[in-house]
Amino acid sequence: MNLNKAILTSTLILGTIGFANAQEAKHEDTEFYTPVPPVVTPAKTAGNAPSDAIILFDGKNLDQWVMTNDRAQPAKWKVNKGEFSVDKQTGNIETKQSFNNYQLHLEWKVPANITGEGQARGNSGLFLASIGKGDLGYELQILDAYNNPTYTNGMAGSVYKQTTPMVNPSKKPGEWQTYDVLWTAPIFDTDGTLKSPAKVTVLFNGVVVQNNFELKGPSQYVGLPSYTQAHGASPIKLQSHGDKSEPLSFRNIWIREL
């Protein structure tokens, strides 16, 4: 048998085997019925909490929050008419509960009468994992970014001092804005070294501004971020920034553990 005939014969044999295997295969072979996903009832109004969410602020009180610098103290920020505002005299607040991976929804508003410019114009921060007192943690910047130039890795929608948002979908001061966050917490080995970094996806007013961004470590005001402190599940923190502009407000905060 010459080489061409051998190749042809082999091809025919393989084709016959493949056809036979295809004949024997069934669609049921690639179907599975367990585990069955739990039923979750979505909110009737977009942006409201689904049935399996943990409500972090329902417009009534701050019972799910404590003071960052003294977790034995309840949050001292004031609730008024279904929202609460930053108190620049008392300091940061954070959740009583700690979280690893999650989906978070938060709404915030820069006052219509905001003054100042740059970083001194409606500055706060959503710390996706608080890892100590003060401003330690992984910060998603909150700031007036409507016609308010500043360094772009410090504008609203940025992971502070790490990355610029892909676009700027900010609304005018006085209008409610939304953050929808998918957070993947960092994982550390038993010796404290980093096993896998934190990642975040952010929708700002329904627009993707961070797409599975890999964080280089906790936020740093001065210097480069790095993973120097191993940690596990962490609270979520809201910042009381020291600028002199009018304080921001928050409402409708909920979270789903993933």
Protein backbone atom coordinates (compact mmCIF):
# COMPACT_ATOMS: atom_id res chain seq x y z
CA MET A 1 0.00 0.00 0.00
CA ASN A 2 1.45 3.37 -0.98
CA LEU A 3 1.48 6.38 1.36
CA ASN A 4 -1.52 8.15 -0.17
CA LYS A 5 -3.69 5.03 0.08
CA ALA A 6 -2.58 4.53 3.69
CA ILE A 7 -3.56 8.10 4.59
CA LEU A 8 -6.93 7.74 2.86
CA THR A 9 -7.61 4.43 4.60
CA SER A 10 -6.72 5.90 8.00
CA THR A 11 -8.95 8.91 7.38
CA LEU A 12 -11.89 6.70 6.46
CA ILE A 13 -11.39 4.55 9.54
CA LEU A 14 -11.17 7.58 11.86
CA GLY A 15 -14.20 9.13 10.22
CA THR A 16 -16.16 5.94 10.69
CA ILE A 17 -15.17 5.78 14.38
CA GLY A 18 -16.07 9.45 14.88
CA PHE A 19 -19.44 8.91 13.21
CA ALA A 20 -20.11 5.88 15.36
CA ASN A 21 -19.20 7.80 18.52
CA ALA A 22 -21.46 10.66 17.45
CA GLN A 23 -24.25 8.17 16.89
CA GLU A 24 -23.76 6.76 20.38
CA ALA A 25 -23.57 10.18 22.09
CA LYS A 26 -26.80 11.63 23.49
CA HIS A 27 -27.78 15.15 24.34
CA GLU A 28 -28.46 14.01 27.91
CA ASP A 29 -24.73 13.34 28.30
CA THR A 30 -24.02 17.07 28.63
CA GLU A 31 -27.04 18.02 30.74
CA PHE A 32 -27.18 18.17 34.52
CA TYR A 33 -29.98 18.98 36.93
CA THR A 34 -28.21 19.54 40.24
CA PRO A 35 -27.42 21.62 42.10
CA VAL A 36 -30.60 23.63 41.61
CA PRO A 37 -29.99 27.40 42.03
CA PRO A 38 -31.96 28.94 44.90
CA VAL A 39 -34.85 31.18 43.89
CA VAL A 40 -34.22 34.91 44.37
CA THR A 41 -37.03 37.41 43.90
CA PRO A 42 -35.77 40.52 42.09
CA ALA A 43 -36.85 43.98 43.18
CA LYS A 44 -39.85 45.47 41.41
CA THR A 45 -37.96 48.75 41.07
CA ALA A 46 -34.51 48.83 39.50
CA GLY A 47 -31.78 49.41 42.06
CA ASN A 48 -33.75 48.13 45.01
CA ALA A 49 -32.68 45.05 46.94
CA PRO A 50 -33.48 41.50 45.78
CA SER A 51 -34.89 39.03 48.29
CA ASP A 52 -31.54 37.57 49.39
CA ALA A 53 -29.78 40.89 50.05
CA ILE A 54 -28.56 42.15 53.41
CA ILE A 55 -29.94 45.67 53.91
CA LEU A 56 -27.19 47.96 55.14
CA PHE A 57 -29.33 51.10 55.10
CA ASP A 58 -33.11 51.12 54.72
CA GLY A 59 -33.70 54.84 55.23
CA LYS A 60 -34.53 54.52 58.93
CA ASN A 61 -31.37 54.04 60.98
CA LEU A 62 -27.67 53.16 60.97
CA ASP A 63 -28.02 50.04 63.10
CA GLN A 64 -25.76 48.10 60.69
CA TRP A 65 -22.90 50.60 61.10
CA VAL A 66 -20.32 51.50 63.75
CA MET A 67 -17.55 54.07 64.16
CA THR A 68 -14.32 52.94 62.47
CA ASN A 69 -11.97 54.21 65.16
CA ASP A 70 -14.05 52.69 67.97
CA ARG A 71 -16.17 49.78 66.80
CA ALA A 72 -17.86 49.62 70.18
CA GLN A 73 -19.56 52.93 69.31
CA PRO A 74 -22.63 53.05 67.03
CA ALA A 75 -22.36 55.19 63.90
CA LYS A 76 -22.90 58.84 64.79
CA TRP A 77 -23.83 60.18 61.36
CA LYS A 78 -27.37 61.59 61.18
CA VAL A 79 -30.33 60.08 59.34
CA ASN A 80 -32.90 62.47 57.89
CA LYS A 81 -35.79 61.84 55.48
CA GLY A 82 -34.59 58.44 54.26
CA GLU A 83 -30.94 59.35 53.77
CA PHE A 84 -27.89 60.07 55.89
CA SER A 85 -25.04 62.53 55.52
CA VAL A 86 -21.31 62.47 56.24
CA ASP A 87 -20.41 63.89 59.66
CA LYS A 88 -16.95 65.40 59.29
CA GLN A 89 -16.57 65.87 63.04
CA THR A 90 -16.97 62.26 64.15
CA GLY A 91 -14.95 60.28 61.59
CA ASN A 92 -15.42 57.27 59.32
CA ILE A 93 -18.12 54.66 59.75
CA GLU A 94 -18.10 51.00 58.70
CA THR A 95 -20.38 47.99 58.69
CA LYS A 96 -20.75 45.82 61.79
CA GLN A 97 -20.51 42.77 59.56
CA SER A 98 -17.43 41.70 57.62
CA PHE A 99 -17.52 40.39 54.05
CA ASN A 100 -15.36 38.56 51.52
CA ASN A 101 -16.76 38.45 47.97
CA TYR A 102 -19.93 40.40 47.35
CA GLN A 103 -22.27 42.44 45.16
CA LEU A 104 -22.92 45.91 46.60
CA HIS A 105 -25.38 48.65 45.68
CA LEU A 106 -24.97 52.17 47.05
CA GLU A 107 -26.48 55.53 46.13
CA TRP A 108 -24.80 58.86 46.88
CA LYS A 109 -25.41 62.54 46.21
CA VAL A 110 -23.20 65.59 46.05
CA PRO A 111 -25.09 68.64 47.42
CA ALA A 112 -26.51 70.96 44.77
CA ASN A 113 -24.81 73.90 46.52
CA ILE A 114 -21.38 72.22 46.58
CA THR A 115 -18.37 74.54 46.72
CA GLY A 116 -14.65 74.00 46.32
CA GLU A 117 -12.80 72.38 43.47
CA GLY A 118 -10.74 69.30 42.66
CA GLN A 119 -10.31 66.96 45.62
CA ALA A 120 -12.01 69.51 47.89
CA ARG A 121 -15.38 69.21 46.18
CA GLY A 122 -17.68 66.58 47.67
CA ASN A 123 -14.91 64.18 48.65
CA SER A 124 -15.68 60.87 50.35
CA GLY A 125 -14.78 57.26 49.68
CA LEU A 126 -16.29 53.80 49.60
CA PHE A 127 -13.71 51.45 51.11
CA LEU A 128 -14.50 48.05 49.63
CA ALA A 129 -12.62 46.40 52.47
CA SER A 130 -11.63 48.32 55.59
CA ILE A 131 -8.48 46.85 57.11
CA GLY A 132 -7.84 49.20 60.00
CA LYS A 133 -8.61 52.53 61.59
CA GLY A 134 -8.60 55.78 59.67
CA ASP A 135 -8.45 55.58 55.88
CA LEU A 136 -6.84 52.16 55.54
CA GLY A 137 -8.33 49.84 52.94
CA TYR A 138 -9.25 49.60 49.26
CA GLU A 139 -10.94 52.82 48.18
CA LEU A 140 -13.42 53.45 45.38
CA GLN A 141 -13.39 57.24 45.15
CA ILE A 142 -16.52 59.32 45.68
CA LEU A 143 -16.23 62.91 44.45
CA ASP A 144 -18.02 65.46 42.31
CA ALA A 145 -16.73 64.67 38.83
CA TYR A 146 -19.17 66.86 36.88
CA ASN A 147 -17.03 69.59 35.30
CA ASN A 148 -14.55 69.28 38.16
CA PRO A 149 -11.03 68.50 36.88
CA THR A 150 -8.63 66.62 39.15
CA TYR A 151 -6.05 63.85 38.79
CA THR A 152 -7.90 61.10 36.94
CA ASN A 153 -6.94 58.24 39.25
CA GLY A 154 -8.56 60.26 42.02
CA MET A 155 -11.85 61.16 40.32
CA ALA A 156 -15.21 59.51 40.96
CA GLY A 157 -15.20 55.93 39.68
CA SER A 158 -11.47 55.48 40.17
CA VAL A 159 -9.80 52.96 42.42
CA TYR A 160 -8.02 55.69 44.33
CA LYS A 161 -4.44 56.32 43.13
CA GLN A 162 -4.49 53.07 41.11
CA THR A 163 -6.63 53.37 38.01
CA THR A 164 -8.74 55.87 36.06
CA PRO A 165 -12.39 55.05 35.27
CA MET A 166 -12.98 53.95 31.68
CA VAL A 167 -15.52 56.78 31.17
CA ASN A 168 -17.05 59.59 33.25
CA PRO A 169 -20.82 59.09 33.61
CA SER A 170 -21.22 61.58 36.50
CA LYS A 171 -24.46 63.45 37.06
CA LYS A 172 -24.80 67.05 38.19
CA PRO A 173 -24.51 67.95 41.87
CA GLY A 174 -27.89 67.54 43.55
CA GLU A 175 -28.74 64.34 41.61
CA TRP A 176 -28.53 60.84 43.07
CA GLN A 177 -25.75 58.64 41.67
CA THR A 178 -25.26 54.88 41.96
CA TYR A 179 -22.39 52.48 42.42
CA ASP A 180 -22.93 48.78 41.74
CA VAL A 181 -19.85 46.82 42.73
CA LEU A 182 -18.65 43.25 42.30
CA TRP A 183 -15.81 42.70 44.75
CA THR A 184 -13.44 39.73 44.88
CA ALA A 185 -11.42 39.82 48.08
CA PRO A 186 -7.69 39.08 48.08
CA ILE A 187 -6.54 35.68 49.33
CA PHE A 188 -3.42 35.15 51.41
CA ASP A 189 -1.41 32.01 52.12
CA THR A 190 -0.97 30.82 55.69
CA ASP A 191 2.41 32.56 55.86
CA GLY A 192 0.78 35.91 54.98
CA THR A 193 2.01 36.14 51.40
CA LEU A 194 -0.44 37.08 48.67
CA LYS A 195 -2.04 34.14 46.87
CA SER A 196 -4.45 36.06 44.63
CA PRO A 197 -5.08 39.84 44.46
CA ALA A 198 -8.32 41.70 44.95
CA LYS A 199 -10.43 42.42 41.87
CA VAL A 200 -13.32 44.79 41.30
CA THR A 201 -15.94 45.55 38.67
CA VAL A 202 -17.82 48.85 39.06
CA LEU A 203 -20.92 50.20 37.35
CA PHE A 204 -21.26 53.94 37.89
CA ASN A 205 -24.80 55.15 37.10
CA GLY A 206 -25.29 51.90 35.19
CA VAL A 207 -22.12 52.30 33.11
CA VAL A 208 -19.08 50.03 33.51
CA VAL A 209 -16.10 52.11 34.66
CA GLN A 210 -13.93 49.30 36.12
CA ASN A 211 -13.93 45.88 34.45
CA ASN A 212 -12.47 43.19 36.73
CA PHE A 213 -9.61 45.51 37.66
CA GLU A 214 -6.83 43.80 39.62
CA LEU A 215 -5.82 45.92 42.60
CA LYS A 216 -2.15 46.32 43.47
CA GLY A 217 -2.94 46.55 47.18
CA PRO A 218 -4.80 48.84 49.60
CA SER A 219 -5.08 52.51 48.65
CA GLN A 220 -2.17 54.80 49.49
CA TYR A 221 -2.31 58.61 49.51
CA VAL A 222 1.49 58.74 49.27
CA GLY A 223 3.55 56.01 47.63
CA LEU A 224 2.67 52.88 45.70
CA PRO A 225 0.08 50.33 46.90
CA SER A 226 1.20 46.86 47.96
CA TYR A 227 -0.13 43.89 49.91
CA THR A 228 1.80 44.22 53.16
CA GLN A 229 -0.93 43.12 55.59
CA ALA A 230 -2.73 39.79 55.28
CA HIS A 231 -6.41 39.88 56.23
CA GLY A 232 -9.65 37.97 55.89
CA ALA A 233 -13.25 39.14 55.69
CA SER A 234 -13.47 42.91 56.26
CA PRO A 235 -16.07 45.61 56.92
CA ILE A 236 -17.14 48.12 54.28
CA LYS A 237 -16.27 51.71 55.18
CA LEU A 238 -17.55 55.19 54.29
CA GLN A 239 -15.10 58.05 54.59
CA SER A 240 -15.47 61.30 56.48
CA HIS A 241 -13.08 63.36 54.40
CA GLY A 242 -11.43 66.46 55.83
CA ASP A 243 -12.28 68.91 53.06
CA LYS A 244 -14.45 71.93 53.86
CA SER A 245 -17.14 71.45 51.20
CA GLU A 246 -20.72 70.55 52.03
CA PRO A 247 -21.14 66.89 53.12
CA LEU A 248 -22.41 64.16 50.82
CA SER A 249 -25.51 62.04 51.43
CA PHE A 250 -26.18 58.30 51.03
CA ARG A 251 -29.24 56.08 50.68
CA ASN A 252 -30.40 52.62 49.57
CA ILE A 253 -27.38 50.48 50.49
CA TRP A 254 -27.57 46.69 50.22
CA ILE A 255 -25.20 43.78 49.72
CA ARG A 256 -25.30 40.17 48.51
CA GLU A 257 -22.57 37.80 49.64
CA LEU A 258 -21.15 35.74 46.77
